[in-house]
Amino acid sequence: MIIDYKCPNCAANMVFDSTTGTLHCGSCDYKEEIEGYRKDYETFDSKYHTATFGDEEARQYLCKSCGAILVTDNHTAATICSFCGSPMILGDRISGDYAPTKVIPFSISKDEATKTFKKWCRKLKFSPKEFTKANKVKEVVGMYVPFWLYDLRGQGEAKFHCTRTHIYDSGDETITETRHFDVYRQVDLTLKDIPADASEKMADKLMDALEPFDYSGIREFNTPYLAGFLSEKYNYTDREMLPRVTKRAEKYMDEYITSTIHGYDTMHFADRDYHIGQLSSEYALFPVWMVYYSYDEAEYTFAMNGQTGKLAGSPPRSIPKIASSIGLATVLFFLLFRIITVLLGGPLL
């Protein structure tokens, strides 16, 4: 089933407008609110998601606007017709087991994303000059990336070795006194809305670097948000992603426990024992602008948080720029060292 949205005034295709948060017709400027809009999919129980699926063959879809046949892979949930540019939402890929419950809509437009990326490039101090001109942006693509949001309960205990140091003078001697302490903590935490991207195509480090997303912008999922963007359904179920999220939860528990310990000069974990269980999970779609940049016969991929504008990716480095910076820093350090030496009565050279 293909879902599209036609303008009631002129029958042109409507797309989601990140500026107004509405369905917008670019032909006659008609706008329609999404909140409360009819839903064209079947929701699922978000308490636990245990769906399993096998490898599906690529499927063919018929564009309603031009009649072209579009072939997609088995994870595409929304796309754009490569012949006429019409937005195409693949209803069977967002229904039943694959129906998201939440979405963070795009709040940054394609033009804004492009401008932000070029501005970011110009500030790269250690990249080749030609790259920083940002004049070879190949493509900027808006995509909703599948995420799981977890609520977890973490219980356990941790033991620390802490020290407190006191330095004082006694006669002609300076005495350092170090006292050692064993500190124990028990913890019982509820950790809410921990995100983990569930797309096989997206590098985990790249997606993690886009965080945090502003959860105040989360909305109940509705298909019009996808109009005009690409989207995928998840590759991994929440059960399959749980080990990765558990590791993140352990770090959060470490940070919380250490924040409760005060009054020591040093603090080190001696032992810890955590038990983390899943309370619930929700399937959500988060907005990401993918920026593809061609430079020196290579293609670089960058990702931008489609809500906050935060950028992630690895630009090329200029060895001459890095070398000159290191050289300059070395010279400045040497001059500073010589000035301090002279002020302390040392030789000028």
C-alpha atoms as a PDB file:
ATOM      1  CA  MET A   1       0.000   0.000   0.000  1.00  0.00           C
ATOM      2  CA  ILE A   2       1.368   3.408  -1.008  1.00  0.00           C
ATOM      3  CA  ILE A   3       0.268   6.415   1.034  1.00  0.00           C
ATOM      4  CA  ASP A   4       0.505   9.898  -0.418  1.00  0.00           C
ATOM      5  CA  TYR A   5      -1.154  13.194   0.380  1.00  0.00           C
ATOM      6  CA  LYS A   6      -2.786  15.255  -2.342  1.00  0.00           C
ATOM      7  CA  CYS A   7      -3.658  18.901  -1.967  1.00  0.00           C
ATOM      8  CA  PRO A   8      -7.473  19.330  -1.788  1.00  0.00           C
ATOM      9  CA  ASN A   9      -7.169  22.563  -3.772  1.00  0.00           C
ATOM     10  CA  CYS A  10      -4.916  21.665  -6.693  1.00  0.00           C
ATOM     11  CA  ALA A  11      -4.249  17.906  -6.325  1.00  0.00           C
ATOM     12  CA  ALA A  12      -0.476  18.426  -6.131  1.00  0.00           C
ATOM     13  CA  ASN A  13       1.581  16.346  -3.725  1.00  0.00           C
ATOM     14  CA  MET A  14       1.907  17.704  -0.210  1.00  0.00           C
ATOM     15  CA  VAL A  15       5.022  17.192   1.928  1.00  0.00           C
ATOM     16  CA  PHE A  16       5.890  17.802   5.552  1.00  0.00           C
ATOM     17  CA  ASP A  17       7.152  21.354   6.113  1.00  0.00           C
ATOM     18  CA  SER A  18       9.738  21.498   8.906  1.00  0.00           C
ATOM     19  CA  THR A  19       9.248  25.241   9.347  1.00  0.00           C
ATOM     20  CA  THR A  20       5.509  25.230  10.026  1.00  0.00           C
ATOM     21  CA  GLY A  21       5.125  21.620  11.156  1.00  0.00           C
ATOM     22  CA  THR A  22       2.296  21.078   8.671  1.00  0.00           C
ATOM     23  CA  LEU A  23       1.567  19.257   5.450  1.00  0.00           C
ATOM     24  CA  HIS A  24       2.334  21.834   2.787  1.00  0.00           C
ATOM     25  CA  CYS A  25       1.490  22.147  -0.877  1.00  0.00           C
ATOM     26  CA  GLY A  26       4.300  23.806  -2.780  1.00  0.00           C
ATOM     27  CA  SER A  27       2.014  24.646  -5.685  1.00  0.00           C
ATOM     28  CA  CYS A  28      -0.754  26.653  -4.022  1.00  0.00           C
ATOM     29  CA  ASP A  29       0.695  27.110  -0.490  1.00  0.00           C
ATOM     30  CA  TYR A  30      -2.126  25.166   1.149  1.00  0.00           C
ATOM     31  CA  LYS A  31      -1.309  23.951   4.671  1.00  0.00           C
ATOM     32  CA  GLU A  32      -2.926  21.279   6.795  1.00  0.00           C
ATOM     33  CA  GLU A  33      -2.285  20.483  10.456  1.00  0.00           C
ATOM     34  CA  ILE A  34      -0.951  17.008  11.255  1.00  0.00           C
ATOM     35  CA  GLU A  35      -2.078  16.716  14.859  1.00  0.00           C
ATOM     36  CA  GLY A  36      -5.291  14.733  14.832  1.00  0.00           C
ATOM     37  CA  TYR A  37      -4.830  13.777  11.178  1.00  0.00           C
ATOM     38  CA  ARG A  38      -6.320  10.440  10.132  1.00  0.00           C
ATOM     39  CA  LYS A  39      -4.064   7.440  10.692  1.00  0.00           C
ATOM     40  CA  ASP A  40      -3.430   5.014   7.846  1.00  0.00           C
ATOM     41  CA  TYR A  41      -1.684   2.266   9.755  1.00  0.00           C
ATOM     42  CA  GLU A  42      -2.161  -0.283  12.507  1.00  0.00           C
ATOM     43  CA  THR A  43      -0.419   0.352  15.830  1.00  0.00           C
ATOM     44  CA  PHE A  44       1.243  -2.286  17.978  1.00  0.00           C
ATOM     45  CA  ASP A  45       1.648  -2.966  21.678  1.00  0.00           C
ATOM     46  CA  SER A  46       4.812  -1.163  22.806  1.00  0.00           C
ATOM     47  CA  LYS A  47       5.212  -3.026  26.095  1.00  0.00           C
ATOM     48  CA  TYR A  48       7.518  -5.561  24.498  1.00  0.00           C
ATOM     49  CA  HIS A  49       8.430  -5.915  20.872  1.00  0.00           C
ATOM     50  CA  THR A  50       9.341  -9.496  19.970  1.00  0.00           C
ATOM     51  CA  ALA A  51       8.619  -9.520  16.266  1.00  0.00           C
ATOM     52  CA  THR A  52      10.881 -11.681  14.142  1.00  0.00           C
ATOM     53  CA  PHE A  53      11.261 -11.531  10.412  1.00  0.00           C
ATOM     54  CA  GLY A  54      13.255 -13.212   7.690  1.00  0.00           C
ATOM     55  CA  ASP A  55      15.032 -11.792   4.708  1.00  0.00           C
ATOM     56  CA  GLU A  56      12.490 -10.461   2.254  1.00  0.00           C
ATOM     57  CA  GLU A  57      13.014  -9.929  -1.409  1.00  0.00           C
ATOM     58  CA  ALA A  58      13.058  -6.443  -2.876  1.00  0.00           C
ATOM     59  CA  ARG A  59       9.576  -5.215  -3.678  1.00  0.00           C
ATOM     60  CA  GLN A  60       8.088  -3.214  -6.511  1.00  0.00           C
ATOM     61  CA  TYR A  61       5.758  -0.276  -5.974  1.00  0.00           C
ATOM     62  CA  LEU A  62       3.778   1.711  -8.514  1.00  0.00           C
ATOM     63  CA  CYS A  63       3.987   5.487  -8.227  1.00  0.00           C
ATOM     64  CA  LYS A  64       0.476   6.940  -8.038  1.00  0.00           C
ATOM     65  CA  SER A  65       1.567  10.163  -9.715  1.00  0.00           C
ATOM     66  CA  CYS A  66       3.453   9.005 -12.809  1.00  0.00           C
ATOM     67  CA  GLY A  67       2.917   5.246 -12.908  1.00  0.00           C
ATOM     68  CA  ALA A  68       6.631   4.445 -12.734  1.00  0.00           C
ATOM     69  CA  ILE A  69       7.732   1.218 -11.093  1.00  0.00           C
ATOM     70  CA  LEU A  70       9.947   1.772  -8.075  1.00  0.00           C
ATOM     71  CA  VAL A  71      12.048  -1.072  -6.684  1.00  0.00           C
ATOM     72  CA  THR A  72      12.987  -0.793  -2.998  1.00  0.00           C
ATOM     73  CA  ASP A  73      14.984  -2.926  -0.615  1.00  0.00           C
ATOM     74  CA  ASN A  74      13.219  -4.738   2.178  1.00  0.00           C
ATOM     75  CA  HIS A  75      13.813  -2.050   4.822  1.00  0.00           C
ATOM     76  CA  THR A  76      12.631   1.100   3.000  1.00  0.00           C
ATOM     77  CA  ALA A  77       9.550   2.630   4.633  1.00  0.00           C
ATOM     78  CA  ALA A  78       9.325   5.954   2.779  1.00  0.00           C
ATOM     79  CA  THR A  79      11.032   7.176  -0.351  1.00  0.00           C
ATOM     80  CA  ILE A  80      10.756   9.590  -3.270  1.00  0.00           C
ATOM     81  CA  CYS A  81       9.937   8.568  -6.823  1.00  0.00           C
ATOM     82  CA  SER A  82      13.127   8.874  -8.846  1.00  0.00           C
ATOM     83  CA  PHE A  83      11.128   9.723 -11.985  1.00  0.00           C
ATOM     84  CA  CYS A  84       8.692  12.436 -10.899  1.00  0.00           C
ATOM     85  CA  GLY A  85       9.892  13.314  -7.389  1.00  0.00           C
ATOM     86  CA  SER A  86       6.612  12.412  -5.684  1.00  0.00           C
ATOM     87  CA  PRO A  87       6.813  11.360  -2.018  1.00  0.00           C
ATOM     88  CA  MET A  88       5.894   7.713  -1.483  1.00  0.00           C
ATOM     89  CA  ILE A  89       5.120   6.242   1.942  1.00  0.00           C
ATOM     90  CA  LEU A  90       5.082   2.449   1.890  1.00  0.00           C
ATOM     91  CA  GLY A  91       2.215   1.645   4.228  1.00  0.00           C
ATOM     92  CA  ASP A  92       3.031  -2.035   4.670  1.00  0.00           C
ATOM     93  CA  ARG A  93       6.465  -1.098   6.010  1.00  0.00           C
ATOM     94  CA  ILE A  94       5.024   1.021   8.853  1.00  0.00           C
ATOM     95  CA  SER A  95       2.082  -1.141   9.878  1.00  0.00           C
ATOM     96  CA  GLY A  96       1.604  -3.967  12.337  1.00  0.00           C
ATOM     97  CA  ASP A  97       4.933  -5.026  13.817  1.00  0.00           C
ATOM     98  CA  TYR A  98       6.705  -2.159  12.060  1.00  0.00           C
ATOM     99  CA  ALA A  99       4.394   0.668  13.137  1.00  0.00           C
ATOM    100  CA  PRO A 100       6.324   3.350  15.080  1.00  0.00           C
ATOM    101  CA  THR A 101       4.680   4.839  18.143  1.00  0.00           C
ATOM    102  CA  LYS A 102       6.731   8.052  18.340  1.00  0.00           C
ATOM    103  CA  VAL A 103       8.454  10.456  15.978  1.00  0.00           C
ATOM    104  CA  ILE A 104      10.581  13.563  16.286  1.00  0.00           C
ATOM    105  CA  PRO A 105       9.680  15.626  13.205  1.00  0.00           C
ATOM    106  CA  PHE A 106      12.279  17.528  11.216  1.00  0.00           C
ATOM    107  CA  SER A 107      12.597  21.098  12.456  1.00  0.00           C
ATOM    108  CA  ILE A 108      15.501  22.030  10.157  1.00  0.00           C
ATOM    109  CA  SER A 109      14.828  22.434   6.453  1.00  0.00           C
ATOM    110  CA  LYS A 110      17.081  21.182   3.673  1.00  0.00           C
ATOM    111  CA  ASP A 111      18.256  24.725   2.881  1.00  0.00           C
ATOM    112  CA  GLU A 112      19.051  25.359   6.544  1.00  0.00           C
ATOM    113  CA  ALA A 113      20.906  22.034   6.781  1.00  0.00           C
ATOM    114  CA  THR A 114      22.994  22.873   3.713  1.00  0.00           C
ATOM    115  CA  LYS A 115      23.876  26.331   5.019  1.00  0.00           C
ATOM    116  CA  THR A 116      24.780  24.945   8.448  1.00  0.00           C
ATOM    117  CA  PHE A 117      27.019  22.305   6.907  1.00  0.00           C
ATOM    118  CA  LYS A 118      28.869  24.822   4.721  1.00  0.00           C
ATOM    119  CA  LYS A 119      29.356  27.137   7.704  1.00  0.00           C
ATOM    120  CA  TRP A 120      30.713  24.191   9.695  1.00  0.00           C
ATOM    121  CA  CYS A 121      33.156  23.315   6.896  1.00  0.00           C
ATOM    122  CA  ARG A 122      34.537  26.846   6.808  1.00  0.00           C
ATOM    123  CA  LYS A 123      35.457  26.559  10.503  1.00  0.00           C
ATOM    124  CA  LEU A 124      37.521  23.369  10.089  1.00  0.00           C
ATOM    125  CA  LYS A 125      41.049  24.462  10.950  1.00  0.00           C
ATOM    126  CA  PHE A 126      42.895  21.282  10.059  1.00  0.00           C
ATOM    127  CA  SER A 127      41.133  20.295   6.832  1.00  0.00           C
ATOM    128  CA  PRO A 128      42.406  21.085   3.309  1.00  0.00           C
ATOM    129  CA  LYS A 129      41.524  24.588   2.161  1.00  0.00           C
ATOM    130  CA  GLU A 130      39.657  23.298  -0.871  1.00  0.00           C
ATOM    131  CA  PHE A 131      37.485  21.095   1.350  1.00  0.00           C
ATOM    132  CA  THR A 132      36.553  23.965   3.667  1.00  0.00           C
ATOM    133  CA  LYS A 133      35.074  25.868   0.721  1.00  0.00           C
ATOM    134  CA  ALA A 134      32.196  23.361   0.863  1.00  0.00           C
ATOM    135  CA  ASN A 135      31.522  23.742  -2.848  1.00  0.00           C
ATOM    136  CA  LYS A 136      31.275  20.042  -3.668  1.00  0.00           C
ATOM    137  CA  VAL A 137      28.236  18.947  -1.699  1.00  0.00           C
ATOM    138  CA  LYS A 138      26.907  16.067  -3.763  1.00  0.00           C
ATOM    139  CA  GLU A 139      23.576  15.514  -2.038  1.00  0.00           C
ATOM    140  CA  VAL A 140      21.659  16.353   1.150  1.00  0.00           C
ATOM    141  CA  VAL A 141      19.041  13.741   2.043  1.00  0.00           C
ATOM    142  CA  GLY A 142      16.496  13.859   4.851  1.00  0.00           C
ATOM    143  CA  MET A 143      15.937  10.501   6.493  1.00  0.00           C
ATOM    144  CA  TYR A 144      13.972   9.213   9.452  1.00  0.00           C
ATOM    145  CA  VAL A 145      16.201   6.716  11.235  1.00  0.00           C
ATOM    146  CA  PRO A 146      14.622   3.929  13.326  1.00  0.00           C
ATOM    147  CA  PHE A 147      15.427   4.050  17.040  1.00  0.00           C
ATOM    148  CA  TRP A 148      14.376   2.055  20.058  1.00  0.00           C
ATOM    149  CA  LEU A 149      13.656   4.010  23.249  1.00  0.00           C
ATOM    150  CA  TYR A 150      14.137   1.906  26.364  1.00  0.00           C
ATOM    151  CA  ASP A 151      12.943   2.187  29.920  1.00  0.00           C
ATOM    152  CA  LEU A 152      15.270   0.127  32.122  1.00  0.00           C
ATOM    153  CA  ARG A 153      15.616  -0.660  35.813  1.00  0.00           C
ATOM    154  CA  GLY A 154      19.151  -0.863  37.170  1.00  0.00           C
ATOM    155  CA  GLN A 155      19.875  -2.404  40.561  1.00  0.00           C
ATOM    156  CA  GLY A 156      23.137  -3.313  42.209  1.00  0.00           C
ATOM    157  CA  GLU A 157      26.029  -2.257  44.375  1.00  0.00           C
ATOM    158  CA  ALA A 158      29.435  -0.671  44.000  1.00  0.00           C
ATOM    159  CA  LYS A 159      32.543  -0.494  46.171  1.00  0.00           C
ATOM    160  CA  PHE A 160      35.093   2.318  46.018  1.00  0.00           C
ATOM    161  CA  HIS A 161      38.560   2.974  47.305  1.00  0.00           C
ATOM    162  CA  CYS A 162      38.840   6.645  48.236  1.00  0.00           C
ATOM    163  CA  THR A 163      41.605   8.780  49.717  1.00  0.00           C
ATOM    164  CA  ARG A 164      41.833  12.084  51.485  1.00  0.00           C
ATOM    165  CA  THR A 165      45.191  13.868  51.598  1.00  0.00           C
ATOM    166  CA  HIS A 166      46.319  16.464  54.137  1.00  0.00           C
ATOM    167  CA  ILE A 167      49.597  18.366  53.734  1.00  0.00           C
ATOM    168  CA  TYR A 168      51.016  20.354  56.643  1.00  0.00           C
ATOM    169  CA  ASP A 169      54.295  21.682  58.020  1.00  0.00           C
ATOM    170  CA  SER A 170      55.854  20.343  61.201  1.00  0.00           C
ATOM    171  CA  GLY A 171      59.030  22.151  62.128  1.00  0.00           C
ATOM    172  CA  ASP A 172      61.356  22.004  59.157  1.00  0.00           C
ATOM    173  CA  GLU A 173      59.419  19.185  57.521  1.00  0.00           C
ATOM    174  CA  THR A 174      56.445  19.104  55.172  1.00  0.00           C
ATOM    175  CA  ILE A 175      54.301  16.124  55.979  1.00  0.00           C
ATOM    176  CA  THR A 176      51.820  14.505  53.622  1.00  0.00           C
ATOM    177  CA  GLU A 177      49.178  12.454  55.372  1.00  0.00           C
ATOM    178  CA  THR A 178      46.954  10.183  53.242  1.00  0.00           C
ATOM    179  CA  ARG A 179      43.926   8.464  54.723  1.00  0.00           C
ATOM    180  CA  HIS A 180      42.225   5.555  52.950  1.00  0.00           C
ATOM    181  CA  PHE A 181      38.515   4.797  52.951  1.00  0.00           C
ATOM    182  CA  ASP A 182      36.288   2.008  51.678  1.00  0.00           C
ATOM    183  CA  VAL A 183      32.994   3.407  50.402  1.00  0.00           C
ATOM    184  CA  TYR A 184      29.929   1.314  49.582  1.00  0.00           C
ATOM    185  CA  ARG A 185      26.806   2.223  47.644  1.00  0.00           C
ATOM    186  CA  GLN A 186      23.621   0.410  46.705  1.00  0.00           C
ATOM    187  CA  VAL A 187      21.611   1.650  43.740  1.00  0.00           C
ATOM    188  CA  ASP A 188      18.087   1.176  42.389  1.00  0.00           C
ATOM    189  CA  LEU A 189      17.415   3.387  39.365  1.00  0.00           C
ATOM    190  CA  THR A 190      14.792   3.708  36.663  1.00  0.00           C
ATOM    191  CA  LEU A 191      16.412   4.854  33.426  1.00  0.00           C
ATOM    192  CA  LYS A 192      13.982   6.284  30.895  1.00  0.00           C
ATOM    193  CA  ASP A 193      14.091   6.801  27.133  1.00  0.00           C
ATOM    194  CA  ILE A 194      17.605   5.527  26.431  1.00  0.00           C
ATOM    195  CA  PRO A 195      17.977   5.641  22.626  1.00  0.00           C
ATOM    196  CA  ALA A 196      19.641   3.142  20.309  1.00  0.00           C
ATOM    197  CA  ASP A 197      19.503   3.287  16.524  1.00  0.00           C
ATOM    198  CA  ALA A 198      18.174   0.073  14.992  1.00  0.00           C
ATOM    199  CA  SER A 199      19.370   0.605  11.417  1.00  0.00           C
ATOM    200  CA  GLU A 200      21.988  -1.691   9.958  1.00  0.00           C
ATOM    201  CA  LYS A 201      23.034   0.946   7.420  1.00  0.00           C
ATOM    202  CA  MET A 202      23.770   3.660   9.958  1.00  0.00           C
ATOM    203  CA  ALA A 203      27.070   3.521  11.843  1.00  0.00           C
ATOM    204  CA  ASP A 204      26.408   3.388  15.581  1.00  0.00           C
ATOM    205  CA  LYS A 205      29.176   5.881  16.396  1.00  0.00           C
ATOM    206  CA  LEU A 206      27.804   8.348  13.856  1.00  0.00           C
ATOM    207  CA  MET A 207      24.278   8.118  15.264  1.00  0.00           C
ATOM    208  CA  ASP A 208      25.497   8.287  18.882  1.00  0.00           C
ATOM    209  CA  ALA A 209      27.404  11.464  18.028  1.00  0.00           C
ATOM    210  CA  LEU A 210      24.142  13.186  17.041  1.00  0.00           C
ATOM    211  CA  GLU A 211      22.721  12.913  20.540  1.00  0.00           C
ATOM    212  CA  PRO A 212      21.102  14.336  22.473  1.00  0.00           C
ATOM    213  CA  PHE A 213      17.731  14.689  20.812  1.00  0.00           C
ATOM    214  CA  ASP A 214      15.265  17.015  22.516  1.00  0.00           C
ATOM    215  CA  TYR A 215      12.487  14.744  23.760  1.00  0.00           C
ATOM    216  CA  SER A 216      10.173  17.697  24.257  1.00  0.00           C
ATOM    217  CA  GLY A 217       9.749  17.527  20.470  1.00  0.00           C
ATOM    218  CA  ILE A 218       8.486  13.928  20.432  1.00  0.00           C
ATOM    219  CA  ARG A 219       5.049  13.462  18.854  1.00  0.00           C
ATOM    220  CA  GLU A 220       2.682  10.567  18.440  1.00  0.00           C
ATOM    221  CA  PHE A 221       3.581   8.990  15.128  1.00  0.00           C
ATOM    222  CA  ASN A 222       1.486   9.830  12.091  1.00  0.00           C
ATOM    223  CA  THR A 223       2.362   9.085   8.482  1.00  0.00           C
ATOM    224  CA  PRO A 224       2.225  12.706   7.178  1.00  0.00           C
ATOM    225  CA  TYR A 225       5.486  13.390   9.026  1.00  0.00           C
ATOM    226  CA  LEU A 226       7.222  11.090   6.535  1.00  0.00           C
ATOM    227  CA  ALA A 227       5.929  12.826   3.412  1.00  0.00           C
ATOM    228  CA  GLY A 228       8.862  14.110   1.369  1.00  0.00           C
ATOM    229  CA  PHE A 229      11.553  12.247   3.333  1.00  0.00           C
ATOM    230  CA  LEU A 230      13.199   8.865   3.252  1.00  0.00           C
ATOM    231  CA  SER A 231      12.584   6.400   6.044  1.00  0.00           C
ATOM    232  CA  GLU A 232      13.510   2.861   7.003  1.00  0.00           C
ATOM    233  CA  LYS A 233      12.039   0.250   9.259  1.00  0.00           C
ATOM    234  CA  TYR A 234      14.230  -1.283  11.913  1.00  0.00           C
ATOM    235  CA  ASN A 235      16.724  -4.038  11.158  1.00  0.00           C
ATOM    236  CA  TYR A 236      17.021  -5.196  14.765  1.00  0.00           C
ATOM    237  CA  THR A 237      14.318  -5.841  17.338  1.00  0.00           C
ATOM    238  CA  ASP A 238      14.489  -4.284  20.776  1.00  0.00           C
ATOM    239  CA  ARG A 239      15.532  -7.638  22.235  1.00  0.00           C
ATOM    240  CA  GLU A 240      18.481  -7.822  19.858  1.00  0.00           C
ATOM    241  CA  MET A 241      19.537  -4.271  20.720  1.00  0.00           C
ATOM    242  CA  LEU A 242      19.228  -4.733  24.497  1.00  0.00           C
ATOM    243  CA  PRO A 243      22.878  -5.782  25.158  1.00  0.00           C
ATOM    244  CA  ARG A 244      24.155  -2.576  23.568  1.00  0.00           C
ATOM    245  CA  VAL A 245      21.748  -0.424  25.565  1.00  0.00           C
ATOM    246  CA  THR A 246      22.618  -2.278  28.757  1.00  0.00           C
ATOM    247  CA  LYS A 247      26.250  -1.194  28.372  1.00  0.00           C
ATOM    248  CA  ARG A 248      25.127   2.421  28.084  1.00  0.00           C
ATOM    249  CA  ALA A 249      22.937   1.987  31.155  1.00  0.00           C
ATOM    250  CA  GLU A 250      25.940   0.715  33.134  1.00  0.00           C
ATOM    251  CA  LYS A 251      27.790   3.944  32.334  1.00  0.00           C
ATOM    252  CA  TYR A 252      24.804   6.012  33.482  1.00  0.00           C
ATOM    253  CA  MET A 253      24.705   4.041  36.736  1.00  0.00           C
ATOM    254  CA  ASP A 254      28.429   4.642  37.243  1.00  0.00           C
ATOM    255  CA  GLU A 255      27.924   8.382  36.725  1.00  0.00           C
ATOM    256  CA  TYR A 256      24.998   8.490  39.135  1.00  0.00           C
ATOM    257  CA  ILE A 257      26.756   6.576  41.917  1.00  0.00           C
ATOM    258  CA  THR A 258      29.971   8.608  41.674  1.00  0.00           C
ATOM    259  CA  SER A 259      27.887  11.810  41.872  1.00  0.00           C
ATOM    260  CA  THR A 260      26.721  10.760  45.349  1.00  0.00           C
ATOM    261  CA  ILE A 261      30.257  10.522  46.772  1.00  0.00           C
ATOM    262  CA  HIS A 262      31.822  13.746  48.035  1.00  0.00           C
ATOM    263  CA  GLY A 263      34.673  14.923  50.226  1.00  0.00           C
ATOM    264  CA  TYR A 264      37.501  12.784  48.867  1.00  0.00           C
ATOM    265  CA  ASP A 265      40.568  13.714  46.849  1.00  0.00           C
ATOM    266  CA  THR A 266      40.643  10.499  44.829  1.00  0.00           C
ATOM    267  CA  MET A 267      38.021   7.864  44.090  1.00  0.00           C
ATOM    268  CA  HIS A 268      38.323   4.574  42.223  1.00  0.00           C
ATOM    269  CA  PHE A 269      35.927   1.701  41.623  1.00  0.00           C
ATOM    270  CA  ALA A 270      37.036  -1.384  43.551  1.00  0.00           C
ATOM    271  CA  ASP A 271      34.142  -3.560  42.453  1.00  0.00           C
ATOM    272  CA  ARG A 272      30.642  -3.303  41.023  1.00  0.00           C
ATOM    273  CA  ASP A 273      27.743  -5.665  40.442  1.00  0.00           C
ATOM    274  CA  TYR A 274      24.768  -4.434  38.402  1.00  0.00           C
ATOM    275  CA  HIS A 275      21.579  -6.130  37.275  1.00  0.00           C
ATOM    276  CA  ILE A 276      19.736  -4.284  34.488  1.00  0.00           C
ATOM    277  CA  GLY A 277      16.332  -5.324  33.208  1.00  0.00           C
ATOM    278  CA  GLN A 278      14.055  -4.019  30.478  1.00  0.00           C
ATOM    279  CA  LEU A 279      10.808  -2.431  31.630  1.00  0.00           C
ATOM    280  CA  SER A 280       9.476  -1.391  28.235  1.00  0.00           C
ATOM    281  CA  SER A 281      10.479  -0.128  24.801  1.00  0.00           C
ATOM    282  CA  GLU A 282       9.047   2.077  22.099  1.00  0.00           C
ATOM    283  CA  TYR A 283       9.778   2.193  18.396  1.00  0.00           C
ATOM    284  CA  ALA A 284      10.495   5.758  17.252  1.00  0.00           C
ATOM    285  CA  LEU A 285      11.763   7.590  14.180  1.00  0.00           C
ATOM    286  CA  PHE A 286      14.353  10.362  14.586  1.00  0.00           C
ATOM    287  CA  PRO A 287      15.236  12.987  11.925  1.00  0.00           C
ATOM    288  CA  VAL A 288      18.692  12.936  10.324  1.00  0.00           C
ATOM    289  CA  TRP A 289      20.080  14.895   7.390  1.00  0.00           C
ATOM    290  CA  MET A 290      22.690  12.857   5.513  1.00  0.00           C
ATOM    291  CA  VAL A 291      25.241  15.025   3.711  1.00  0.00           C
ATOM    292  CA  TYR A 292      27.317  13.446   0.940  1.00  0.00           C
ATOM    293  CA  TYR A 293      30.422  15.404  -0.023  1.00  0.00           C
ATOM    294  CA  SER A 294      32.802  14.644  -2.908  1.00  0.00           C
ATOM    295  CA  TYR A 295      36.423  15.651  -2.472  1.00  0.00           C
ATOM    296  CA  ASP A 296      39.666  14.457  -4.034  1.00  0.00           C
ATOM    297  CA  GLU A 297      38.031  11.494  -5.785  1.00  0.00           C
ATOM    298  CA  ALA A 298      36.510  10.261  -2.513  1.00  0.00           C
ATOM    299  CA  GLU A 299      33.065  10.608  -0.959  1.00  0.00           C
ATOM    300  CA  TYR A 300      32.631  11.671   2.642  1.00  0.00           C
ATOM    301  CA  THR A 301      29.441  11.087   4.590  1.00  0.00           C
ATOM    302  CA  PHE A 302      28.264  13.376   7.358  1.00  0.00           C
ATOM    303  CA  ALA A 303      25.150  13.256   9.502  1.00  0.00           C
ATOM    304  CA  MET A 304      23.206  16.144  10.993  1.00  0.00           C
ATOM    305  CA  ASN A 305      20.616  16.002  13.739  1.00  0.00           C
ATOM    306  CA  GLY A 306      17.484  17.149  11.918  1.00  0.00           C
ATOM    307  CA  GLN A 307      16.133  18.683  15.103  1.00  0.00           C
ATOM    308  CA  THR A 308      19.134  20.436  16.708  1.00  0.00           C
ATOM    309  CA  GLY A 309      21.558  20.865  13.792  1.00  0.00           C
ATOM    310  CA  LYS A 310      24.402  18.994  15.523  1.00  0.00           C
ATOM    311  CA  LEU A 311      26.879  17.594  12.970  1.00  0.00           C
ATOM    312  CA  ALA A 312      28.951  14.417  13.037  1.00  0.00           C
ATOM    313  CA  GLY A 313      31.467  12.893  10.656  1.00  0.00           C
ATOM    314  CA  SER A 314      35.178  12.695   9.892  1.00  0.00           C
ATOM    315  CA  PRO A 315      36.467  15.341   7.447  1.00  0.00           C
ATOM    316  CA  PRO A 316      39.843  14.902   5.702  1.00  0.00           C
ATOM    317  CA  ARG A 317      42.887  16.299   7.461  1.00  0.00           C
ATOM    318  CA  SER A 318      45.609  18.497   5.975  1.00  0.00           C
ATOM    319  CA  ILE A 319      49.044  17.255   7.053  1.00  0.00           C
ATOM    320  CA  PRO A 320      50.755  20.601   6.175  1.00  0.00           C
ATOM    321  CA  LYS A 321      48.209  22.508   8.315  1.00  0.00           C
ATOM    322  CA  ILE A 322      48.670  20.129  11.237  1.00  0.00           C
ATOM    323  CA  ALA A 323      52.459  20.266  10.907  1.00  0.00           C
ATOM    324  CA  SER A 324      52.514  24.068  10.772  1.00  0.00           C
ATOM    325  CA  SER A 325      50.245  24.266  13.832  1.00  0.00           C
ATOM    326  CA  ILE A 326      52.477  21.908  15.793  1.00  0.00           C
ATOM    327  CA  GLY A 327      55.530  23.892  14.691  1.00  0.00           C
ATOM    328  CA  LEU A 328      53.959  27.184  15.752  1.00  0.00           C
ATOM    329  CA  ALA A 329      52.953  25.749  19.117  1.00  0.00           C
ATOM    330  CA  THR A 330      56.509  24.461  19.635  1.00  0.00           C
ATOM    331  CA  VAL A 331      58.025  27.872  18.866  1.00  0.00           C
ATOM    332  CA  LEU A 332      55.592  29.653  21.201  1.00  0.00           C
ATOM    333  CA  PHE A 333      56.310  27.172  23.985  1.00  0.00           C
ATOM    334  CA  PHE A 334      60.072  27.636  23.515  1.00  0.00           C
ATOM    335  CA  LEU A 335      59.744  31.446  23.616  1.00  0.00           C
ATOM    336  CA  LEU A 336      57.597  31.265  26.749  1.00  0.00           C
ATOM    337  CA  PHE A 337      60.106  28.949  28.388  1.00  0.00           C
ATOM    338  CA  ARG A 338      62.977  31.315  27.565  1.00  0.00           C
ATOM    339  CA  ILE A 339      61.091  34.340  28.898  1.00  0.00           C
ATOM    340  CA  ILE A 340      60.396  32.573  32.188  1.00  0.00           C
ATOM    341  CA  THR A 341      64.050  31.482  32.405  1.00  0.00           C
ATOM    342  CA  VAL A 342      65.283  35.077  31.924  1.00  0.00           C
ATOM    343  CA  LEU A 343      62.809  36.455  34.468  1.00  0.00           C
ATOM    344  CA  LEU A 344      64.116  33.937  36.999  1.00  0.00           C
ATOM    345  CA  GLY A 345      67.675  35.166  36.428  1.00  0.00           C
ATOM    346  CA  GLY A 346      68.820  32.622  33.875  1.00  0.00           C
ATOM    347  CA  PRO A 347      70.922  33.320  30.780  1.00  0.00           C
ATOM    348  CA  LEU A 348      69.352  35.037  27.799  1.00  0.00           C
ATOM    349  CA  LEU A 349      70.493  32.265  25.437  1.00  0.00           C
END
